[in-house]
Amino acid sequence: MFKAAVLLSHRYNITIDGEFLGWQVAETTGGIIDALSDACRAVLNLNTVGIIGPELSRESQLVAPFGEKLGIPVISYAATDPDLSNKKIYPTFYRTVPSDDTAASSLVKLFIRFNWTSCSIIYQNDAFGTGGAKAINEAFNQSNLTVAQMVIFDIGYLGFRGDLKDSLVNSPTRIVIVWAESIYTSIILQKALDLNLVGPSFTWILSSSVSFDSFNETFQQNLIGMLLIEPVVGSVIYAPINQTLLDSAFNIWQQYENETYPGSTNVNYYALFAFDATWALIQSLQKLCSSTINNSSSCLSFVKSSFCFDNRFNQSNLLLDTLSTTEFLGVSGPVQFTSNSTNRISGLYYSLKNLHSLTNGLNFVSVLEYADPGNWRTPLKENVIIWPG
């Protein structure tokens, strides 16, 4: 969807200094130095005006300051660490995915809805896990809810710090929140299943969806009733989106890479967040260059160096000011930023899904929906909640 956004700008004849925007793609693997290295190479080889991504919070914590050094915006579609919201620390960072501060607020309202009072949290030990767990803990404390246990899952050696069974069995709560990426959530669940710490005795709330194909069928009854809370796009909860833009993007995807197109209903939500991140940058560049008074000179200029950290985008302040005031209806919902935060301030949605046993196996179905700053509500297509056991 990143490439679809750039190619769509060509189709709409959006040019910058009379030229179409180009792009370079680098796939990050979670290594923060690798992400920085990829960004550095791109800056040396191209006149780079922005970075879309990276995906992970721990990568963003390094790439965002690199963007500040160069004076270019870094717009992530998936990094949710609340620490990245600080505009003073990350002045050129933006994101189209909701911050985990918003997720924590939605969890508080979920607990109040069901009259729950406490939970245990299992989280991975990086910026995403630590930031999310901290945000939930602070939000719960402010609402007189209790986090009884904080259990660390070490992504270095793929194990828990401490005894998981002792921590959960001796805890006064039977609600467990897992704040971890999908790859680690699967490992956490398998270890918990082996220790008989899932259903029917415990209610688990996941932050990342996982595939259940790898789990032994004998465990399926224990998994039914599990909950998943995840950020979604406006169309999921029948909120406004730019359907024309979305159809055009899908059309381009099918035209150029039909073999990778999964169908309109199977496109990952983060792909749509990535499109809106790219489109926000494109709209800002177009707006900046159309407002340049002296049309005889370039609206974009660079200080180039053989050392990537010494490169500089000269119109940095103008572009950042323009991006902060850019507002449009995107494929994920309304997109709007502000000058005092890195966060998107509109179009923040979540879905609560419940794990059911269906004819094609275990699958999550939507049971509640949330639009910030509102409250949880039953979706138009209502599904019953199945509780563990």
Protein backbone atom coordinates (compact mmCIF):
# COMPACT_ATOMS: atom_id res chain seq x y z
CA MET A 1 0.00 0.00 0.00
CA PHE A 2 3.04 2.27 0.40
CA LYS A 3 3.94 1.79 -3.25
CA ALA A 4 0.27 2.05 -4.23
CA ALA A 5 0.13 5.52 -2.63
CA VAL A 6 3.21 6.73 -4.53
CA LEU A 7 1.97 5.30 -7.83
CA LEU A 8 -1.46 6.79 -7.23
CA SER A 9 0.15 10.21 -6.89
CA HIS A 10 1.58 9.64 -10.39
CA ARG A 11 -1.86 8.74 -11.71
CA TYR A 12 -3.25 11.92 -10.13
CA ASN A 13 -0.40 13.84 -11.81
CA ILE A 14 0.98 15.08 -8.48
CA THR A 15 4.49 16.35 -9.17
CA ILE A 16 7.13 18.01 -7.01
CA ASP A 17 9.31 20.47 -8.91
CA GLY A 18 7.85 19.00 -12.09
CA GLU A 19 8.88 15.42 -11.23
CA PHE A 20 7.00 12.43 -9.91
CA LEU A 21 7.93 11.11 -6.48
CA GLY A 22 10.13 8.04 -6.36
CA TRP A 23 10.64 5.54 -3.58
CA GLN A 24 12.99 3.00 -2.08
CA VAL A 25 11.88 0.07 0.06
CA ALA A 26 13.88 -1.64 2.81
CA GLU A 27 12.53 -4.51 4.90
CA THR A 28 13.50 -4.25 8.55
CA THR A 29 13.86 -7.34 10.72
CA GLY A 30 13.72 -5.90 14.22
CA GLY A 31 17.40 -5.01 14.44
CA ILE A 32 17.58 -1.32 15.26
CA ILE A 33 21.04 -0.83 13.74
CA ASP A 34 19.92 -2.49 10.51
CA ALA A 35 16.96 -0.09 10.30
CA LEU A 36 19.27 2.88 10.80
CA SER A 37 21.71 1.53 8.22
CA ASP A 38 18.94 1.18 5.62
CA ALA A 39 17.83 4.77 6.27
CA CYS A 40 21.40 6.00 5.98
CA ARG A 41 21.93 4.33 2.60
CA ALA A 42 18.70 5.78 1.24
CA VAL A 43 19.74 9.30 2.22
CA LEU A 44 23.13 8.93 0.50
CA ASN A 45 21.66 7.65 -2.76
CA LEU A 46 18.52 9.78 -3.04
CA ASN A 47 17.10 13.21 -2.25
CA THR A 48 14.99 11.85 0.59
CA VAL A 49 12.10 14.00 1.83
CA GLY A 50 10.56 11.54 4.30
CA ILE A 51 10.57 8.05 5.79
CA ILE A 52 7.43 5.90 6.03
CA GLY A 53 7.86 3.50 8.93
CA PRO A 54 9.57 1.80 10.54
CA GLU A 55 7.17 -0.86 11.78
CA LEU A 56 8.50 -1.48 15.29
CA SER A 57 8.68 0.92 18.22
CA ARG A 58 12.25 -0.05 19.07
CA GLU A 59 13.30 0.77 15.49
CA SER A 60 11.38 4.07 15.56
CA GLN A 61 13.21 5.18 18.70
CA LEU A 62 16.40 5.27 16.63
CA VAL A 63 15.15 6.16 13.16
CA ALA A 64 13.06 9.11 14.44
CA PRO A 65 16.10 10.99 15.85
CA PHE A 66 17.91 10.24 12.58
CA GLY A 67 15.04 11.91 10.74
CA GLU A 68 15.33 14.91 13.06
CA LYS A 69 19.06 15.14 12.29
CA LEU A 70 18.28 15.30 8.57
CA GLY A 71 15.19 17.48 8.98
CA ILE A 72 12.77 15.02 7.38
CA PRO A 73 9.51 13.56 8.77
CA VAL A 74 9.39 9.94 9.90
CA ILE A 75 5.78 8.68 9.74
CA SER A 76 5.21 5.23 11.23
CA TYR A 77 2.18 3.07 10.49
CA ALA A 78 2.65 0.58 13.35
CA ALA A 79 4.91 1.92 16.16
CA THR A 80 2.65 2.39 19.21
CA ASP A 81 5.06 3.09 22.11
CA PRO A 82 3.61 6.05 24.11
CA ASP A 83 7.10 7.50 24.66
CA LEU A 84 7.15 8.31 20.94
CA SER A 85 4.30 10.79 21.54
CA ASN A 86 6.69 13.38 23.01
CA LYS A 87 7.08 16.09 20.38
CA LYS A 88 10.02 17.69 22.19
CA ILE A 89 12.02 14.46 22.02
CA TYR A 90 10.79 13.36 18.58
CA PRO A 91 9.98 16.62 16.75
CA THR A 92 9.90 15.10 13.23
CA PHE A 93 8.02 11.91 14.14
CA TYR A 94 4.37 11.19 13.30
CA ARG A 95 2.21 8.06 13.22
CA THR A 96 -1.09 6.98 11.72
CA VAL A 97 -1.63 4.07 14.15
CA PRO A 98 -3.09 4.94 17.59
CA SER A 99 -0.66 5.22 20.48
CA ASP A 100 -0.88 2.62 23.24
CA ASP A 101 -2.04 5.44 25.53
CA THR A 102 -5.29 5.25 23.57
CA ALA A 103 -5.32 1.47 23.84
CA ALA A 104 -4.84 1.75 27.62
CA SER A 105 -7.78 4.16 27.85
CA SER A 106 -9.97 1.73 25.90
CA LEU A 107 -8.93 -1.12 28.21
CA VAL A 108 -9.96 0.90 31.27
CA LYS A 109 -13.41 1.42 29.74
CA LEU A 110 -13.61 -2.28 28.89
CA PHE A 111 -12.86 -3.27 32.48
CA ILE A 112 -15.45 -0.82 33.77
CA ARG A 113 -18.02 -2.22 31.31
CA PHE A 114 -17.58 -5.74 32.68
CA ASN A 115 -17.04 -4.70 36.31
CA TRP A 116 -13.52 -6.14 36.31
CA THR A 117 -11.16 -4.64 38.88
CA SER A 118 -7.71 -6.16 38.30
CA CYS A 119 -5.43 -7.95 35.86
CA SER A 120 -1.97 -9.38 35.30
CA ILE A 121 0.17 -8.12 32.41
CA ILE A 122 2.67 -10.16 30.39
CA TYR A 123 4.83 -7.98 28.14
CA GLN A 124 7.88 -8.30 25.93
CA ASN A 125 11.00 -6.47 27.05
CA ASP A 126 11.39 -3.81 24.37
CA ALA A 127 9.98 -0.35 23.64
CA PHE A 128 6.61 -1.72 22.46
CA GLY A 129 6.04 -4.10 25.37
CA THR A 130 7.46 -1.90 28.11
CA GLY A 131 5.72 1.23 26.82
CA GLY A 132 2.37 -0.50 26.49
CA ALA A 133 2.56 -2.14 29.93
CA LYS A 134 3.53 1.18 31.50
CA ALA A 135 0.62 2.99 29.81
CA ILE A 136 -1.88 0.35 30.97
CA ASN A 137 -0.52 0.40 34.52
CA GLU A 138 -0.75 4.19 34.74
CA ALA A 139 -4.25 4.29 33.23
CA PHE A 140 -5.45 1.60 35.64
CA ASN A 141 -4.00 3.39 38.67
CA GLN A 142 -5.79 6.60 37.68
CA SER A 143 -9.10 4.70 37.45
CA ASN A 144 -8.71 2.74 40.72
CA LEU A 145 -8.09 -0.51 38.88
CA THR A 146 -5.28 -2.85 39.91
CA VAL A 147 -2.42 -4.42 37.98
CA ALA A 148 -1.65 -7.36 40.27
CA GLN A 149 1.34 -8.79 38.39
CA MET A 150 3.79 -7.58 35.72
CA VAL A 151 5.51 -10.53 34.03
CA ILE A 152 8.37 -9.94 31.56
CA PHE A 153 8.82 -12.14 28.50
CA ASP A 154 12.44 -11.83 27.39
CA ILE A 155 12.60 -11.74 23.59
CA GLY A 156 16.34 -12.42 23.75
CA TYR A 157 16.13 -15.96 25.12
CA LEU A 158 12.38 -16.44 24.53
CA GLY A 159 11.50 -17.13 28.13
CA PHE A 160 9.91 -15.55 31.18
CA ARG A 161 11.78 -13.71 33.86
CA GLY A 162 10.53 -15.57 36.87
CA ASP A 163 8.07 -18.44 37.31
CA LEU A 164 4.98 -17.86 35.11
CA LYS A 165 2.84 -20.48 36.85
CA ASP A 166 3.67 -19.19 40.31
CA SER A 167 2.99 -15.59 39.22
CA LEU A 168 -0.44 -16.29 37.71
CA VAL A 169 -1.74 -18.98 40.07
CA ASN A 170 -0.89 -16.96 43.17
CA SER A 171 -2.29 -13.74 41.72
CA PRO A 172 -5.69 -12.53 43.02
CA THR A 173 -6.88 -11.94 39.42
CA ARG A 174 -7.68 -14.36 36.61
CA ILE A 175 -7.54 -11.82 33.78
CA VAL A 176 -4.28 -11.78 31.82
CA ILE A 177 -3.33 -9.05 29.31
CA VAL A 178 -0.53 -9.90 26.85
CA TRP A 179 1.32 -6.96 25.26
CA ALA A 180 3.59 -8.63 22.72
CA GLU A 181 4.10 -9.05 18.98
CA SER A 182 2.39 -11.98 17.27
CA ILE A 183 5.55 -14.08 17.05
CA TYR A 184 6.12 -13.81 20.82
CA THR A 185 2.42 -14.08 21.72
CA SER A 186 2.32 -17.53 20.11
CA ILE A 187 5.25 -18.67 22.25
CA ILE A 188 3.70 -17.17 25.39
CA LEU A 189 0.39 -18.92 24.73
CA GLN A 190 2.03 -22.29 24.11
CA LYS A 191 3.99 -22.07 27.34
CA ALA A 192 0.82 -21.06 29.22
CA LEU A 193 -1.13 -23.94 27.66
CA ASP A 194 1.58 -26.38 28.74
CA LEU A 195 1.19 -25.08 32.30
CA ASN A 196 -2.65 -25.16 32.17
CA LEU A 197 -2.86 -21.38 32.64
CA VAL A 198 -5.36 -20.52 29.89
CA GLY A 199 -9.10 -21.37 29.77
CA PRO A 200 -11.31 -22.14 31.56
CA SER A 201 -9.59 -20.77 34.66
CA PHE A 202 -8.14 -17.61 33.04
CA THR A 203 -9.44 -14.98 30.63
CA TRP A 204 -6.68 -13.81 28.28
CA ILE A 205 -6.71 -10.51 26.36
CA LEU A 206 -4.19 -10.32 23.52
CA SER A 207 -2.83 -7.23 21.77
CA SER A 208 -1.73 -9.13 18.64
CA SER A 209 -3.56 -11.68 16.53
CA VAL A 210 -1.95 -15.09 16.13
CA SER A 211 -2.46 -18.11 13.90
CA PHE A 212 -3.81 -21.11 15.78
CA ASP A 213 -2.80 -23.66 13.13
CA SER A 214 0.38 -24.48 15.04
CA PHE A 215 -1.44 -25.35 18.28
CA ASN A 216 -2.35 -28.96 19.03
CA GLU A 217 -6.06 -29.65 18.56
CA THR A 218 -6.26 -30.96 22.13
CA PHE A 219 -5.71 -27.38 23.33
CA GLN A 220 -8.55 -25.83 21.29
CA GLN A 221 -11.16 -25.95 24.04
CA ASN A 222 -8.76 -24.07 26.33
CA LEU A 223 -8.31 -21.30 23.77
CA ILE A 224 -12.00 -20.65 23.00
CA GLY A 225 -13.21 -17.45 24.64
CA MET A 226 -9.89 -15.63 24.44
CA LEU A 227 -10.12 -11.90 23.61
CA LEU A 228 -8.15 -9.74 21.19
CA ILE A 229 -8.01 -5.94 21.23
CA GLU A 230 -6.50 -4.36 18.13
CA PRO A 231 -6.47 -1.03 16.28
CA VAL A 232 -8.70 -1.08 13.20
CA VAL A 233 -9.71 1.21 10.34
CA GLY A 234 -12.92 3.18 10.08
CA SER A 235 -14.68 0.79 7.71
CA VAL A 236 -14.63 -1.93 10.38
CA ILE A 237 -16.87 0.11 12.67
CA TYR A 238 -18.80 1.86 9.86
CA ALA A 239 -16.98 5.16 10.37
CA PRO A 240 -16.23 7.40 7.34
CA ILE A 241 -13.32 6.50 5.04
CA ASN A 242 -12.29 7.66 1.57
CA GLN A 243 -13.70 4.76 -0.43
CA THR A 244 -12.73 6.32 -3.77
CA LEU A 245 -9.10 6.59 -2.68
CA LEU A 246 -9.17 3.04 -1.32
CA ASP A 247 -10.63 1.60 -4.54
CA SER A 248 -7.98 3.41 -6.58
CA ALA A 249 -5.21 2.07 -4.34
CA PHE A 250 -6.52 -1.50 -4.61
CA ASN A 251 -6.79 -1.10 -8.38
CA ILE A 252 -3.12 -0.11 -8.59
CA TRP A 253 -2.10 -3.00 -6.33
CA GLN A 254 -3.90 -5.47 -8.57
CA GLN A 255 -2.44 -3.87 -11.69
CA TYR A 256 1.19 -3.99 -10.59
CA GLU A 257 1.35 -6.95 -8.14
CA ASN A 258 -1.81 -8.99 -8.59
CA GLU A 259 -0.07 -12.11 -7.27
CA THR A 260 0.31 -10.49 -3.83
CA TYR A 261 -3.14 -8.91 -3.65
CA PRO A 262 -5.13 -10.79 -0.95
CA GLY A 263 -8.57 -9.37 -1.78
CA SER A 264 -10.13 -6.19 -0.41
CA THR A 265 -11.50 -7.84 2.74
CA ASN A 266 -8.15 -9.45 3.66
CA VAL A 267 -5.83 -6.45 3.48
CA ASN A 268 -4.05 -5.95 6.79
CA TYR A 269 -5.14 -2.86 8.73
CA TYR A 270 -1.51 -1.76 9.07
CA ALA A 271 -1.25 -1.68 5.26
CA LEU A 272 -4.04 0.92 5.26
CA PHE A 273 -2.28 2.87 8.01
CA ALA A 274 0.83 2.76 5.79
CA PHE A 275 -1.11 4.16 2.83
CA ASP A 276 -2.39 7.07 4.92
CA ALA A 277 1.10 7.74 6.28
CA THR A 278 2.42 7.95 2.72
CA TRP A 279 -0.54 10.01 1.52
CA ALA A 280 -0.09 12.49 4.37
CA LEU A 281 3.50 13.08 3.24
CA ILE A 282 2.46 13.42 -0.40
CA GLN A 283 -0.32 15.88 0.44
CA SER A 284 2.07 17.92 2.59
CA LEU A 285 4.73 18.07 -0.14
CA GLN A 286 2.16 19.15 -2.71
CA LYS A 287 0.79 21.81 -0.38
CA LEU A 288 4.29 23.07 0.46
CA CYS A 289 5.39 23.38 -3.15
CA SER A 290 2.14 24.99 -4.31
CA SER A 291 2.60 27.71 -1.69
CA THR A 292 6.19 28.53 -2.66
CA ILE A 293 6.24 32.17 -3.70
CA ASN A 294 9.36 32.13 -5.87
CA ASN A 295 8.39 29.66 -8.59
CA SER A 296 11.72 30.11 -10.37
CA SER A 297 13.56 28.18 -7.65
CA SER A 298 13.07 24.66 -6.36
CA CYS A 299 10.67 24.21 -3.47
CA LEU A 300 12.94 21.42 -2.18
CA SER A 301 16.69 21.67 -1.71
CA PHE A 302 19.28 19.60 0.12
CA VAL A 303 22.70 19.81 1.69
CA LYS A 304 24.42 16.68 0.45
CA SER A 305 27.36 14.90 2.05
CA SER A 306 29.15 11.57 1.77
CA PHE A 307 28.41 11.10 5.49
CA CYS A 308 24.68 10.42 5.85
CA PHE A 309 24.34 12.27 9.17
CA ASP A 310 25.59 15.48 7.55
CA ASN A 311 22.82 15.55 4.92
CA ARG A 312 20.06 18.09 5.47
CA PHE A 313 16.69 18.93 3.96
CA ASN A 314 16.60 22.72 3.79
CA GLN A 315 12.83 23.18 3.82
CA SER A 316 12.46 21.05 6.96
CA ASN A 317 10.55 23.53 9.11
CA LEU A 318 8.17 24.45 6.31
CA LEU A 319 7.37 20.81 5.54
CA LEU A 320 6.87 19.90 9.21
CA ASP A 321 4.56 22.89 9.74
CA THR A 322 2.59 21.88 6.65
CA LEU A 323 2.36 18.24 7.78
CA SER A 324 1.11 19.32 11.22
CA THR A 325 -1.78 21.20 9.60
CA THR A 326 -2.58 18.63 6.89
CA GLU A 327 -6.04 17.13 7.23
CA PHE A 328 -7.81 14.68 4.92
CA LEU A 329 -10.15 11.69 4.86
CA GLY A 330 -7.94 8.69 4.29
CA VAL A 331 -8.45 5.00 3.66
CA SER A 332 -8.30 4.29 7.41
CA GLY A 333 -10.47 7.24 8.43
CA PRO A 334 -9.96 10.98 9.05
CA VAL A 335 -6.27 11.87 9.35
CA GLN A 336 -5.19 14.94 11.26
CA PHE A 337 -2.09 15.88 13.24
CA THR A 338 -1.22 18.69 15.61
CA SER A 339 1.90 20.73 16.27
CA ASN A 340 2.26 19.67 19.93
CA SER A 341 2.09 15.88 19.59
CA THR A 342 3.33 13.19 17.23
CA ASN A 343 0.00 11.36 17.44
CA ARG A 344 -2.85 11.26 15.00
CA ILE A 345 -5.74 13.07 16.72
CA SER A 346 -8.68 11.66 14.73
CA GLY A 347 -9.73 8.31 13.32
CA LEU A 348 -8.66 6.24 16.37
CA TYR A 349 -10.59 2.96 16.43
CA TYR A 350 -10.33 -0.43 18.16
CA SER A 351 -12.13 -3.73 17.86
CA LEU A 352 -12.58 -6.32 20.61
CA LYS A 353 -12.65 -9.80 19.14
CA ASN A 354 -13.61 -13.10 20.73
CA LEU A 355 -12.12 -16.48 19.77
CA HIS A 356 -14.84 -18.83 18.50
CA SER A 357 -14.77 -22.38 17.19
CA LEU A 358 -16.15 -22.14 13.65
CA THR A 359 -16.50 -24.64 10.82
CA ASN A 360 -13.10 -23.62 9.44
CA GLY A 361 -11.36 -23.76 12.83
CA LEU A 362 -10.64 -21.24 15.56
CA ASN A 363 -11.22 -17.65 14.49
CA PHE A 364 -11.68 -14.25 16.12
CA VAL A 365 -15.03 -12.53 15.61
CA SER A 366 -15.83 -8.91 16.48
CA VAL A 367 -17.95 -8.49 19.62
CA LEU A 368 -17.39 -4.83 20.57
CA GLU A 369 -16.07 -1.69 18.86
CA TYR A 370 -14.51 1.51 20.14
CA ALA A 371 -14.04 5.00 18.68
CA ASP A 372 -11.86 7.28 20.79
CA PRO A 373 -12.77 9.20 22.94
CA GLY A 374 -16.11 7.41 23.18
CA ASN A 375 -17.03 4.11 24.78
CA TRP A 376 -17.29 0.47 23.81
CA ARG A 377 -20.43 -0.37 21.86
CA THR A 378 -22.03 -3.39 20.24
CA PRO A 379 -21.33 -3.55 16.48
CA LEU A 380 -24.15 -3.46 13.94
CA LYS A 381 -23.48 -7.12 13.20
CA GLU A 382 -23.82 -8.43 16.73
CA ASN A 383 -21.94 -11.55 17.83
CA VAL A 384 -22.34 -13.32 21.17
CA ILE A 385 -19.38 -13.30 23.55
CA ILE A 386 -18.20 -16.78 24.47
CA TRP A 387 -16.34 -16.79 27.79
CA PRO A 388 -13.64 -19.36 28.63
CA GLY A 389 -15.25 -22.60 29.82
